[in-house]
Amino acid sequence: MTLGHVVLGGSPQALDATRNHELVHVEQYERWGPAFIPAYFLCALLLRLQGRHGYWDNPFEREAYRRAP
């Protein structure tokens, strides 16, 4: 999980496995600034209200999965 410039993980192995994906979120935070976290959750909420998946359909996640090797 990424909060601003901080990436949290349950173990060193989890951090290694998700590092590239989470670093995309760090870049997103740098672009969006403090609005990133509310924008992320607002997207998730709006998607859920549309009957879509708040995580897998979230444009922030889609970008992170697309860009992370």
N, C-alpha and C. Protein backbone atom coordinates (compact mmCIF):
# COMPACT_ATOMS: atom_id res chain seq x y z
N MET A 1 0.85 -1.18 0.00
CA MET A 1 0.00 0.00 0.00
C MET A 1 0.89 1.23 0.00
N THR A 2 0.49 2.24 -0.74
CA THR A 2 1.26 3.47 -0.85
C THR A 2 0.47 4.63 -0.27
N LEU A 3 1.12 5.38 0.60
CA LEU A 3 0.56 6.61 1.16
C LEU A 3 1.57 7.72 0.90
N GLY A 4 1.34 8.46 -0.16
CA GLY A 4 2.30 9.50 -0.52
C GLY A 4 3.59 8.89 -1.01
N HIS A 5 4.68 9.19 -0.31
CA HIS A 5 5.98 8.63 -0.67
C HIS A 5 6.34 7.41 0.17
N VAL A 6 5.40 6.92 0.95
CA VAL A 6 5.65 5.78 1.84
C VAL A 6 4.96 4.55 1.28
N VAL A 7 5.72 3.48 1.10
CA VAL A 7 5.18 2.21 0.64
C VAL A 7 5.20 1.26 1.83
N LEU A 8 4.03 0.73 2.16
CA LEU A 8 3.89 -0.19 3.29
C LEU A 8 3.73 -1.61 2.78
N GLY A 9 4.34 -2.56 3.47
CA GLY A 9 4.20 -3.96 3.11
C GLY A 9 4.27 -4.83 4.35
N GLY A 10 3.71 -6.00 4.25
CA GLY A 10 3.67 -6.91 5.40
C GLY A 10 4.98 -7.62 5.66
N SER A 11 5.85 -7.66 4.67
CA SER A 11 7.14 -8.34 4.83
C SER A 11 8.08 -7.84 3.75
N PRO A 12 9.38 -8.08 3.93
CA PRO A 12 10.32 -7.71 2.87
C PRO A 12 10.00 -8.39 1.54
N GLN A 13 9.50 -9.63 1.60
CA GLN A 13 9.16 -10.36 0.38
C GLN A 13 7.97 -9.70 -0.32
N ALA A 14 6.99 -9.26 0.45
CA ALA A 14 5.83 -8.59 -0.14
C ALA A 14 6.25 -7.27 -0.78
N LEU A 15 7.14 -6.55 -0.13
CA LEU A 15 7.63 -5.29 -0.71
C LEU A 15 8.39 -5.55 -2.01
N ASP A 16 9.21 -6.60 -2.02
CA ASP A 16 9.94 -6.93 -3.25
C ASP A 16 8.98 -7.27 -4.39
N ALA A 17 7.92 -8.01 -4.07
CA ALA A 17 6.98 -8.47 -5.10
C ALA A 17 6.14 -7.33 -5.67
N THR A 18 5.90 -6.28 -4.88
CA THR A 18 4.98 -5.22 -5.31
C THR A 18 5.67 -3.88 -5.56
N ARG A 19 6.98 -3.84 -5.40
CA ARG A 19 7.72 -2.56 -5.45
C ARG A 19 7.43 -1.75 -6.71
N ASN A 20 7.55 -2.35 -7.89
CA ASN A 20 7.37 -1.58 -9.14
C ASN A 20 5.95 -1.03 -9.25
N HIS A 21 4.97 -1.84 -8.88
CA HIS A 21 3.58 -1.40 -8.91
C HIS A 21 3.38 -0.21 -7.96
N GLU A 22 3.89 -0.34 -6.76
CA GLU A 22 3.70 0.72 -5.76
C GLU A 22 4.46 1.99 -6.14
N LEU A 23 5.59 1.85 -6.81
CA LEU A 23 6.33 3.04 -7.23
C LEU A 23 5.56 3.84 -8.28
N VAL A 24 4.72 3.15 -9.07
CA VAL A 24 3.84 3.88 -9.99
C VAL A 24 2.87 4.73 -9.17
N HIS A 25 2.37 4.18 -8.07
CA HIS A 25 1.48 4.96 -7.20
C HIS A 25 2.21 6.16 -6.59
N VAL A 26 3.48 6.01 -6.28
CA VAL A 26 4.27 7.15 -5.78
C VAL A 26 4.32 8.23 -6.86
N GLU A 27 4.53 7.85 -8.10
CA GLU A 27 4.53 8.82 -9.20
C GLU A 27 3.17 9.48 -9.35
N GLN A 28 2.11 8.71 -9.18
CA GLN A 28 0.76 9.27 -9.25
C GLN A 28 0.57 10.30 -8.14
N TYR A 29 1.06 9.98 -6.96
CA TYR A 29 0.97 10.92 -5.84
C TYR A 29 1.73 12.21 -6.17
N GLU A 30 2.90 12.07 -6.80
CA GLU A 30 3.67 13.26 -7.16
C GLU A 30 2.92 14.13 -8.17
N ARG A 31 2.18 13.50 -9.09
CA ARG A 31 1.38 14.26 -10.06
C ARG A 31 0.16 14.91 -9.41
N TRP A 32 -0.54 14.17 -8.58
CA TRP A 32 -1.81 14.62 -8.00
C TRP A 32 -1.65 15.37 -6.69
N GLY A 33 -0.52 15.20 -6.01
CA GLY A 33 -0.33 15.84 -4.72
C GLY A 33 -1.31 15.29 -3.69
N PRO A 34 -1.70 16.12 -2.72
CA PRO A 34 -2.59 15.64 -1.66
C PRO A 34 -3.96 15.18 -2.16
N ALA A 35 -4.31 15.52 -3.39
CA ALA A 35 -5.60 15.09 -3.94
C ALA A 35 -5.58 13.62 -4.37
N PHE A 36 -4.40 13.00 -4.40
CA PHE A 36 -4.31 11.63 -4.89
C PHE A 36 -5.17 10.66 -4.09
N ILE A 37 -5.02 10.66 -2.79
CA ILE A 37 -5.75 9.68 -1.97
C ILE A 37 -7.26 9.88 -2.08
N PRO A 38 -7.78 11.12 -1.91
CA PRO A 38 -9.22 11.27 -2.10
C PRO A 38 -9.67 10.92 -3.52
N ALA A 39 -8.87 11.26 -4.53
CA ALA A 39 -9.24 10.95 -5.92
C ALA A 39 -9.30 9.45 -6.13
N TYR A 40 -8.35 8.73 -5.57
CA TYR A 40 -8.32 7.27 -5.69
C TYR A 40 -9.60 6.68 -5.11
N PHE A 41 -9.95 7.09 -3.89
CA PHE A 41 -11.13 6.53 -3.23
C PHE A 41 -12.43 7.01 -3.87
N LEU A 42 -12.45 8.21 -4.39
CA LEU A 42 -13.63 8.69 -5.10
C LEU A 42 -13.85 7.88 -6.38
N CYS A 43 -12.78 7.60 -7.10
CA CYS A 43 -12.89 6.74 -8.29
C CYS A 43 -13.44 5.37 -7.90
N ALA A 44 -12.92 4.80 -6.83
CA ALA A 44 -13.38 3.49 -6.39
C ALA A 44 -14.86 3.52 -6.05
N LEU A 45 -15.29 4.56 -5.34
CA LEU A 45 -16.70 4.69 -4.97
C LEU A 45 -17.60 4.83 -6.21
N LEU A 46 -17.20 5.71 -7.12
CA LEU A 46 -18.00 5.92 -8.33
C LEU A 46 -18.09 4.64 -9.16
N LEU A 47 -17.00 3.92 -9.24
CA LEU A 47 -17.01 2.65 -9.98
C LEU A 47 -17.97 1.66 -9.33
N ARG A 48 -17.92 1.56 -8.00
CA ARG A 48 -18.82 0.64 -7.29
C ARG A 48 -20.28 1.02 -7.52
N LEU A 49 -20.56 2.32 -7.51
CA LEU A 49 -21.93 2.76 -7.75
C LEU A 49 -22.40 2.43 -9.16
N GLN A 50 -21.45 2.28 -10.08
CA GLN A 50 -21.77 1.90 -11.46
C GLN A 50 -21.80 0.38 -11.64
N GLY A 51 -21.59 -0.35 -10.56
CA GLY A 51 -21.59 -1.80 -10.63
C GLY A 51 -20.28 -2.39 -11.09
N ARG A 52 -19.24 -1.58 -11.11
CA ARG A 52 -17.91 -2.04 -11.53
C ARG A 52 -17.07 -2.30 -10.30
N HIS A 53 -15.87 -2.84 -10.50
CA HIS A 53 -14.99 -3.17 -9.39
C HIS A 53 -14.16 -1.95 -9.00
N GLY A 54 -14.21 -1.58 -7.73
CA GLY A 54 -13.53 -0.39 -7.25
C GLY A 54 -12.01 -0.47 -7.30
N TYR A 55 -11.47 -1.68 -7.33
CA TYR A 55 -10.01 -1.84 -7.40
C TYR A 55 -9.57 -2.14 -8.82
N TRP A 56 -10.08 -3.22 -9.41
CA TRP A 56 -9.58 -3.66 -10.71
C TRP A 56 -9.93 -2.71 -11.84
N ASP A 57 -11.03 -1.96 -11.72
CA ASP A 57 -11.42 -1.00 -12.76
C ASP A 57 -10.92 0.41 -12.47
N ASN A 58 -10.28 0.60 -11.33
CA ASN A 58 -9.80 1.93 -10.94
C ASN A 58 -8.68 2.37 -11.89
N PRO A 59 -8.80 3.55 -12.49
CA PRO A 59 -7.77 3.98 -13.44
C PRO A 59 -6.38 4.11 -12.82
N PHE A 60 -6.30 4.40 -11.53
CA PHE A 60 -4.99 4.46 -10.88
C PHE A 60 -4.35 3.08 -10.82
N GLU A 61 -5.15 2.06 -10.53
CA GLU A 61 -4.64 0.69 -10.50
C GLU A 61 -4.33 0.18 -11.90
N ARG A 62 -5.20 0.50 -12.83
CA ARG A 62 -4.97 0.05 -14.21
C ARG A 62 -3.64 0.59 -14.74
N GLU A 63 -3.36 1.87 -14.44
CA GLU A 63 -2.08 2.44 -14.86
C GLU A 63 -0.92 1.72 -14.17
N ALA A 64 -1.05 1.47 -12.88
CA ALA A 64 0.04 0.82 -12.14
C ALA A 64 0.30 -0.58 -12.67
N TYR A 65 -0.75 -1.35 -12.96
CA TYR A 65 -0.56 -2.68 -13.51
C TYR A 65 0.01 -2.63 -14.93
N ARG A 66 -0.41 -1.65 -15.70
CA ARG A 66 0.08 -1.52 -17.08
C ARG A 66 1.57 -1.15 -17.10
N ARG A 67 2.00 -0.28 -16.20
CA ARG A 67 3.36 0.25 -16.25
C ARG A 67 4.37 -0.57 -15.46
N ALA A 68 3.91 -1.34 -14.48
CA ALA A 68 4.84 -2.12 -13.65
C ALA A 68 5.22 -3.40 -14.38
N PRO A 69 6.51 -3.67 -14.48
CA PRO A 69 6.93 -4.91 -15.15
C PRO A 69 6.58 -6.14 -14.36
